[in-house]
Amino acid sequence: MKIPVILFAGLLLATSCVTPAKTLYNWDKYDAVAYKYVKDNTDADAEALAQTLQRMIEKPGGERQVPPPGICADYGFLLVKQGKIEEGIKYLKMEVALYPESALFVERIIKQLEE
């Protein structure tokens, strides 16, 4: 009876030393900041969201070392809402470059903004 217990304990010790799997993307504090922005929608919340998104784009982290899907589009749309249309379009185009599958949706928005 002691041998199975010892083997099980050894297995637990061995697996507890394994490093956690890396994530593909670094989401920073996006979920909390985006929720607060949507919930309260204050200028301070918009600024906090903009800073978080910009940080996620400039220093992406994660295993892929690129911003997570939708982040460039989210930042671009936020900039457009702030009246920074040209800069917003730049980030919308970055989204399409990083994630071509978003082109169908994002390019329609870009086209409307450029008209």
N, C-alpha and C. Protein backbone atom coordinates (compact mmCIF):
# COMPACT_ATOMS: atom_id res chain seq x y z
N MET A 1 0.82 -1.19 0.00
CA MET A 1 0.00 0.00 0.00
C MET A 1 0.87 1.26 0.00
N LYS A 2 2.04 1.17 0.61
CA LYS A 2 2.90 2.34 0.71
C LYS A 2 3.50 2.72 -0.64
N ILE A 3 3.78 1.76 -1.49
CA ILE A 3 4.40 2.04 -2.79
C ILE A 3 3.48 2.88 -3.69
N PRO A 4 2.18 2.53 -3.83
CA PRO A 4 1.31 3.38 -4.65
C PRO A 4 1.20 4.80 -4.11
N VAL A 5 1.16 4.94 -2.80
CA VAL A 5 1.07 6.27 -2.19
C VAL A 5 2.34 7.07 -2.48
N ILE A 6 3.47 6.43 -2.36
CA ILE A 6 4.75 7.08 -2.63
C ILE A 6 4.85 7.47 -4.11
N LEU A 7 4.43 6.57 -4.99
CA LEU A 7 4.44 6.88 -6.43
C LEU A 7 3.51 8.05 -6.75
N PHE A 8 2.33 8.03 -6.14
CA PHE A 8 1.37 9.12 -6.37
C PHE A 8 1.93 10.45 -5.86
N ALA A 9 2.55 10.43 -4.69
CA ALA A 9 3.15 11.64 -4.13
C ALA A 9 4.28 12.14 -5.02
N GLY A 10 5.07 11.22 -5.54
CA GLY A 10 6.15 11.60 -6.45
C GLY A 10 5.62 12.21 -7.74
N LEU A 11 4.54 11.65 -8.24
CA LEU A 11 3.90 12.19 -9.45
C LEU A 11 3.38 13.60 -9.20
N LEU A 12 2.76 13.81 -8.06
CA LEU A 12 2.28 15.15 -7.71
C LEU A 12 3.42 16.15 -7.62
N LEU A 13 4.50 15.76 -7.00
CA LEU A 13 5.66 16.66 -6.89
C LEU A 13 6.24 16.98 -8.27
N ALA A 14 6.34 15.97 -9.11
CA ALA A 14 6.91 16.18 -10.44
C ALA A 14 6.05 17.10 -11.29
N THR A 15 4.74 16.94 -11.20
CA THR A 15 3.87 17.79 -12.03
C THR A 15 3.73 19.19 -11.46
N SER A 16 3.97 19.37 -10.18
CA SER A 16 3.86 20.70 -9.60
C SER A 16 5.04 21.59 -10.00
N CYS A 17 6.09 20.99 -10.51
CA CYS A 17 7.27 21.76 -10.91
C CYS A 17 7.21 22.21 -12.37
N VAL A 18 6.19 21.80 -13.08
CA VAL A 18 6.07 22.16 -14.49
C VAL A 18 5.67 23.63 -14.59
N THR A 19 6.33 24.34 -15.49
CA THR A 19 5.98 25.75 -15.68
C THR A 19 4.65 25.84 -16.43
N PRO A 20 3.85 26.86 -16.12
CA PRO A 20 2.56 26.98 -16.80
C PRO A 20 2.76 27.26 -18.29
N ALA A 21 1.80 26.84 -19.06
CA ALA A 21 1.86 27.05 -20.51
C ALA A 21 1.79 28.54 -20.82
N LYS A 22 2.53 28.93 -21.83
CA LYS A 22 2.49 30.33 -22.24
C LYS A 22 1.19 30.60 -22.97
N THR A 23 0.74 31.82 -22.87
CA THR A 23 -0.47 32.20 -23.61
C THR A 23 -0.06 32.80 -24.94
N LEU A 24 -0.93 32.71 -25.91
CA LEU A 24 -0.61 33.26 -27.23
C LEU A 24 -0.52 34.78 -27.20
N TYR A 25 -1.38 35.41 -26.39
CA TYR A 25 -1.45 36.87 -26.38
C TYR A 25 -1.42 37.39 -24.95
N ASN A 26 -0.98 38.61 -24.80
CA ASN A 26 -1.02 39.29 -23.51
C ASN A 26 -2.24 40.21 -23.52
N TRP A 27 -3.22 39.89 -22.69
CA TRP A 27 -4.45 40.68 -22.65
C TRP A 27 -4.38 41.80 -21.62
N ASP A 28 -3.26 41.92 -20.91
CA ASP A 28 -3.04 42.98 -19.93
C ASP A 28 -4.26 43.06 -19.00
N LYS A 29 -4.80 44.24 -18.80
CA LYS A 29 -5.99 44.42 -17.95
C LYS A 29 -7.19 44.81 -18.81
N TYR A 30 -7.15 44.37 -20.05
CA TYR A 30 -8.16 44.78 -21.02
C TYR A 30 -9.59 44.51 -20.57
N ASP A 31 -9.85 43.34 -20.03
CA ASP A 31 -11.22 43.00 -19.68
C ASP A 31 -11.81 43.95 -18.64
N ALA A 32 -11.06 44.26 -17.60
CA ALA A 32 -11.56 45.15 -16.55
C ALA A 32 -11.69 46.59 -17.06
N VAL A 33 -10.71 47.05 -17.81
CA VAL A 33 -10.73 48.44 -18.31
C VAL A 33 -11.84 48.63 -19.34
N ALA A 34 -12.00 47.66 -20.24
CA ALA A 34 -13.05 47.76 -21.26
C ALA A 34 -14.43 47.70 -20.61
N TYR A 35 -14.60 46.84 -19.62
CA TYR A 35 -15.88 46.75 -18.92
C TYR A 35 -16.22 48.08 -18.26
N LYS A 36 -15.26 48.67 -17.58
CA LYS A 36 -15.50 49.96 -16.91
C LYS A 36 -15.85 51.04 -17.92
N TYR A 37 -15.18 51.04 -19.05
CA TYR A 37 -15.46 52.03 -20.10
C TYR A 37 -16.89 51.87 -20.62
N VAL A 38 -17.29 50.65 -20.90
CA VAL A 38 -18.64 50.41 -21.41
C VAL A 38 -19.68 50.73 -20.35
N LYS A 39 -19.39 50.38 -19.12
CA LYS A 39 -20.35 50.58 -18.03
C LYS A 39 -20.54 52.05 -17.69
N ASP A 40 -19.43 52.77 -17.48
CA ASP A 40 -19.52 54.16 -16.99
C ASP A 40 -19.36 55.19 -18.10
N ASN A 41 -18.55 54.88 -19.11
CA ASN A 41 -18.35 55.73 -20.28
C ASN A 41 -17.96 57.18 -19.94
N THR A 42 -16.98 57.32 -19.04
CA THR A 42 -16.48 58.64 -18.71
C THR A 42 -15.23 58.93 -19.54
N ASP A 43 -14.82 60.20 -19.55
CA ASP A 43 -13.59 60.56 -20.27
C ASP A 43 -12.38 59.85 -19.66
N ALA A 44 -12.37 59.72 -18.35
CA ALA A 44 -11.26 59.03 -17.67
C ALA A 44 -11.23 57.56 -18.07
N ASP A 45 -12.39 56.94 -18.20
CA ASP A 45 -12.45 55.54 -18.62
C ASP A 45 -11.97 55.39 -20.06
N ALA A 46 -12.34 56.33 -20.92
CA ALA A 46 -11.89 56.30 -22.32
C ALA A 46 -10.38 56.44 -22.39
N GLU A 47 -9.82 57.30 -21.57
CA GLU A 47 -8.37 57.49 -21.55
C GLU A 47 -7.66 56.24 -21.03
N ALA A 48 -8.21 55.63 -19.98
CA ALA A 48 -7.62 54.40 -19.44
C ALA A 48 -7.67 53.28 -20.48
N LEU A 49 -8.78 53.18 -21.20
CA LEU A 49 -8.89 52.16 -22.24
C LEU A 49 -7.89 52.44 -23.36
N ALA A 50 -7.78 53.70 -23.77
CA ALA A 50 -6.84 54.06 -24.83
C ALA A 50 -5.41 53.71 -24.43
N GLN A 51 -5.03 54.01 -23.20
CA GLN A 51 -3.68 53.70 -22.73
C GLN A 51 -3.43 52.20 -22.68
N THR A 52 -4.43 51.45 -22.23
CA THR A 52 -4.29 49.98 -22.18
C THR A 52 -4.14 49.40 -23.58
N LEU A 53 -4.98 49.85 -24.50
CA LEU A 53 -4.91 49.35 -25.87
C LEU A 53 -3.58 49.71 -26.52
N GLN A 54 -3.15 50.94 -26.32
CA GLN A 54 -1.87 51.37 -26.90
C GLN A 54 -0.72 50.55 -26.35
N ARG A 55 -0.74 50.28 -25.06
CA ARG A 55 0.31 49.47 -24.43
C ARG A 55 0.29 48.05 -25.00
N MET A 56 -0.91 47.50 -25.20
CA MET A 56 -1.03 46.15 -25.74
C MET A 56 -0.51 46.07 -27.18
N ILE A 57 -0.64 47.17 -27.92
CA ILE A 57 -0.16 47.20 -29.31
C ILE A 57 1.35 47.41 -29.35
N GLU A 58 1.86 48.31 -28.52
CA GLU A 58 3.29 48.63 -28.55
C GLU A 58 4.16 47.55 -27.92
N LYS A 59 3.66 46.90 -26.87
CA LYS A 59 4.40 45.84 -26.18
C LYS A 59 3.48 44.64 -26.04
N PRO A 60 3.28 43.91 -27.14
CA PRO A 60 2.24 42.89 -27.15
C PRO A 60 2.46 41.71 -26.21
N GLY A 61 3.65 41.22 -26.06
CA GLY A 61 3.88 40.06 -25.19
C GLY A 61 3.20 38.81 -25.72
N GLY A 62 3.07 37.84 -24.86
CA GLY A 62 2.49 36.57 -25.28
C GLY A 62 3.44 35.80 -26.19
N GLU A 63 3.06 34.61 -26.51
CA GLU A 63 3.91 33.76 -27.34
C GLU A 63 4.04 34.27 -28.78
N ARG A 64 2.97 34.85 -29.32
CA ARG A 64 3.00 35.30 -30.71
C ARG A 64 3.67 36.68 -30.87
N GLN A 65 3.76 37.45 -29.81
CA GLN A 65 4.38 38.78 -29.85
C GLN A 65 3.67 39.72 -30.83
N VAL A 66 2.36 39.61 -30.92
CA VAL A 66 1.52 40.53 -31.68
C VAL A 66 0.31 40.87 -30.82
N PRO A 67 -0.33 42.00 -31.08
CA PRO A 67 -1.54 42.33 -30.30
C PRO A 67 -2.61 41.25 -30.50
N PRO A 68 -3.43 41.01 -29.49
CA PRO A 68 -4.51 40.03 -29.64
C PRO A 68 -5.50 40.46 -30.72
N PRO A 69 -6.23 39.50 -31.27
CA PRO A 69 -7.23 39.82 -32.30
C PRO A 69 -8.24 40.85 -31.80
N GLY A 70 -8.50 41.83 -32.64
CA GLY A 70 -9.50 42.85 -32.32
C GLY A 70 -8.97 44.07 -31.60
N ILE A 71 -7.78 44.00 -31.04
CA ILE A 71 -7.25 45.10 -30.23
C ILE A 71 -6.93 46.31 -31.10
N CYS A 72 -6.29 46.11 -32.25
CA CYS A 72 -5.99 47.25 -33.13
C CYS A 72 -7.27 47.88 -33.64
N ALA A 73 -8.25 47.06 -33.97
CA ALA A 73 -9.54 47.58 -34.44
C ALA A 73 -10.25 48.35 -33.32
N ASP A 74 -10.20 47.82 -32.13
CA ASP A 74 -10.82 48.49 -30.98
C ASP A 74 -10.17 49.85 -30.74
N TYR A 75 -8.85 49.87 -30.79
CA TYR A 75 -8.13 51.14 -30.58
C TYR A 75 -8.43 52.11 -31.73
N GLY A 76 -8.43 51.61 -32.95
CA GLY A 76 -8.74 52.47 -34.09
C GLY A 76 -10.13 53.06 -33.98
N PHE A 77 -11.10 52.25 -33.59
CA PHE A 77 -12.47 52.74 -33.45
C PHE A 77 -12.58 53.77 -32.33
N LEU A 78 -11.86 53.54 -31.24
CA LEU A 78 -11.85 54.50 -30.13
C LEU A 78 -11.26 55.84 -30.59
N LEU A 79 -10.19 55.78 -31.38
CA LEU A 79 -9.59 57.01 -31.91
C LEU A 79 -10.56 57.74 -32.83
N VAL A 80 -11.26 57.00 -33.66
CA VAL A 80 -12.25 57.60 -34.56
C VAL A 80 -13.33 58.31 -33.74
N LYS A 81 -13.79 57.67 -32.67
CA LYS A 81 -14.80 58.28 -31.81
C LYS A 81 -14.29 59.57 -31.17
N GLN A 82 -12.97 59.66 -30.98
CA GLN A 82 -12.36 60.86 -30.40
C GLN A 82 -12.05 61.91 -31.46
N GLY A 83 -12.42 61.64 -32.71
CA GLY A 83 -12.18 62.59 -33.79
C GLY A 83 -10.84 62.45 -34.48
N LYS A 84 -10.06 61.46 -34.11
CA LYS A 84 -8.74 61.22 -34.70
C LYS A 84 -8.88 60.19 -35.82
N ILE A 85 -9.54 60.59 -36.89
CA ILE A 85 -9.93 59.66 -37.94
C ILE A 85 -8.74 59.05 -38.66
N GLU A 86 -7.78 59.85 -39.08
CA GLU A 86 -6.62 59.32 -39.82
C GLU A 86 -5.84 58.32 -38.98
N GLU A 87 -5.63 58.66 -37.73
CA GLU A 87 -4.90 57.76 -36.84
C GLU A 87 -5.71 56.48 -36.60
N GLY A 88 -7.02 56.63 -36.46
CA GLY A 88 -7.88 55.47 -36.27
C GLY A 88 -7.84 54.53 -37.47
N ILE A 89 -7.86 55.10 -38.67
CA ILE A 89 -7.79 54.29 -39.89
C ILE A 89 -6.48 53.51 -39.94
N LYS A 90 -5.41 54.13 -39.48
CA LYS A 90 -4.10 53.45 -39.44
C LYS A 90 -4.18 52.17 -38.62
N TYR A 91 -4.84 52.22 -37.47
CA TYR A 91 -4.94 51.04 -36.61
C TYR A 91 -5.95 50.03 -37.14
N LEU A 92 -6.98 50.50 -37.82
CA LEU A 92 -7.91 49.58 -38.46
C LEU A 92 -7.20 48.79 -39.56
N LYS A 93 -6.35 49.48 -40.31
CA LYS A 93 -5.58 48.80 -41.35
C LYS A 93 -4.57 47.84 -40.74
N MET A 94 -4.03 48.18 -39.58
CA MET A 94 -3.10 47.28 -38.89
C MET A 94 -3.82 46.00 -38.49
N GLU A 95 -5.08 46.13 -38.07
CA GLU A 95 -5.87 44.95 -37.70
C GLU A 95 -5.99 44.01 -38.90
N VAL A 96 -6.30 44.57 -40.07
CA VAL A 96 -6.44 43.76 -41.28
C VAL A 96 -5.11 43.11 -41.65
N ALA A 97 -4.02 43.84 -41.48
CA ALA A 97 -2.70 43.29 -41.81
C ALA A 97 -2.34 42.12 -40.88
N LEU A 98 -2.66 42.24 -39.61
CA LEU A 98 -2.33 41.19 -38.65
C LEU A 98 -3.31 40.02 -38.72
N TYR A 99 -4.57 40.33 -39.00
CA TYR A 99 -5.62 39.31 -39.02
C TYR A 99 -6.46 39.48 -40.28
N PRO A 100 -5.99 38.94 -41.40
CA PRO A 100 -6.69 39.10 -42.68
C PRO A 100 -8.15 38.64 -42.66
N GLU A 101 -8.48 37.73 -41.77
CA GLU A 101 -9.86 37.27 -41.67
C GLU A 101 -10.82 38.38 -41.23
N SER A 102 -10.28 39.46 -40.67
CA SER A 102 -11.11 40.59 -40.24
C SER A 102 -11.41 41.55 -41.39
N ALA A 103 -10.79 41.34 -42.54
CA ALA A 103 -10.89 42.29 -43.66
C ALA A 103 -12.32 42.54 -44.09
N LEU A 104 -13.13 41.52 -44.17
CA LEU A 104 -14.51 41.67 -44.63
C LEU A 104 -15.26 42.71 -43.80
N PHE A 105 -15.08 42.67 -42.53
CA PHE A 105 -15.77 43.60 -41.63
C PHE A 105 -15.05 44.95 -41.53
N VAL A 106 -13.76 44.91 -41.27
CA VAL A 106 -13.01 46.14 -40.99
C VAL A 106 -12.84 47.01 -42.24
N GLU A 107 -12.64 46.41 -43.39
CA GLU A 107 -12.47 47.23 -44.61
C GLU A 107 -13.73 48.01 -44.96
N ARG A 108 -14.88 47.52 -44.60
CA ARG A 108 -16.13 48.28 -44.81
C ARG A 108 -16.12 49.55 -43.95
N ILE A 109 -15.66 49.41 -42.74
CA ILE A 109 -15.58 50.57 -41.84
C ILE A 109 -14.57 51.57 -42.38
N ILE A 110 -13.42 51.08 -42.82
CA ILE A 110 -12.38 51.96 -43.38
C ILE A 110 -12.92 52.70 -44.58
N LYS A 111 -13.61 52.00 -45.44
CA LYS A 111 -14.16 52.63 -46.65
C LYS A 111 -15.14 53.74 -46.29
N GLN A 112 -16.00 53.51 -45.32
CA GLN A 112 -16.95 54.54 -44.90
C GLN A 112 -16.24 55.74 -44.31
N LEU A 113 -15.17 55.51 -43.56
CA LEU A 113 -14.43 56.60 -42.94
C LEU A 113 -13.66 57.42 -43.98
N GLU A 114 -13.19 56.77 -45.03
CA GLU A 114 -12.39 57.47 -46.03
C GLU A 114 -13.26 58.27 -47.00
N GLU A 115 -14.56 58.00 -47.02
CA GLU A 115 -15.44 58.74 -47.95
C GLU A 115 -15.80 60.11 -47.42
